[in-house]
Amino acid sequence: LSGLDPAQPYFQGTPTEVRLDKSDAEFVDVIHTDSAPTIPNLGLGMRPAIGHLDFYPNGGEEMPGCDKNPISQIVDLDGIWEGTRDFVACNHLRSYKYYSDSIIYPDGFLGYPCASYELFQEGNCFPCPEDGCPYMGHYADRFKDKVKSDFTKLYLNTGEARDFPLWRYKVSVTLSGNSHVNGYVNIALYGTGGSTKQYQIAKGTLKPDNTYTAYIDVEVNVGEVTKVKFLWNNNWINPTLPKLGAATVTVEAGESR
């Protein structure tokens, strides 16, 4: 059984006979996309973990792309009816959109087991454990024989619009150069599966020999990394012409460690 943002009003906190529960089937996976409190946040979806696997994309409360202004949302690419529904219940409806995208992307929507979304964002739950991570959506049942604990909360980030899946990488850059500068460092990844846009790894004072680390959610599974593009900029013209390079760039994929 797959629960697509099961309802909060009249169901949350009720006996298991009334609502979706892990006892309802051999394997129950749940996608929570609108789990903010109904009062005062108007959240429509249930917050507690109730299945064998509970996925909380983007933290499970506010989905990216749902904060568009009403006019742009209602006059949507998918038509006015779809856009109006999204305006009224955008977070709630993301659950079925993620699910349908998960059929097309069997390796998308990797869920990382973690105690909270904040810890996930900080990189504390990266990479996947040795026995792997489950996929949110259609292919969650591939993981059913590996479920160990009573309740497993899983976190991931998604895109703002279709196509929704993102792939998570840890990128560490050790700088080389002759002096420290203020600016930012961008990295783009190239691989057998495609290339990414540029992602900011560091901002502020950049010091040679220091290592800067960031967790990036990219729009393509790059596969085997073949090349990394490294760019830095100090935002203004510096008469001393400082030079910075990347002594090393380390890339770790969440799924394969």
Foldseek 3Di string as FASTA:
>chain_A
DEAQQWFDPPPAPDDCVRGPAQVPDLFYEYEAQACDDCVPPNGGGHDDFGTLEYECEVQRHHAAQLPDDLVDQCPDPVHNVNSVVCVVHVRSVVSVVQQVLCVVPVPFAFWFFDPGVVCVQVVVRFAHPPVFTAHPHDRNVVCSVVRDDPYTYTYYYFDNDPVTTWFKKKKKFAKAWDAKAFWWKWKKWAAPWGIFDIDTQDGTIDGHRDMTMHMDTTDTDRDGTDDMDMDIDRPDDDVVPTDMDTPDMDMDTRGVD
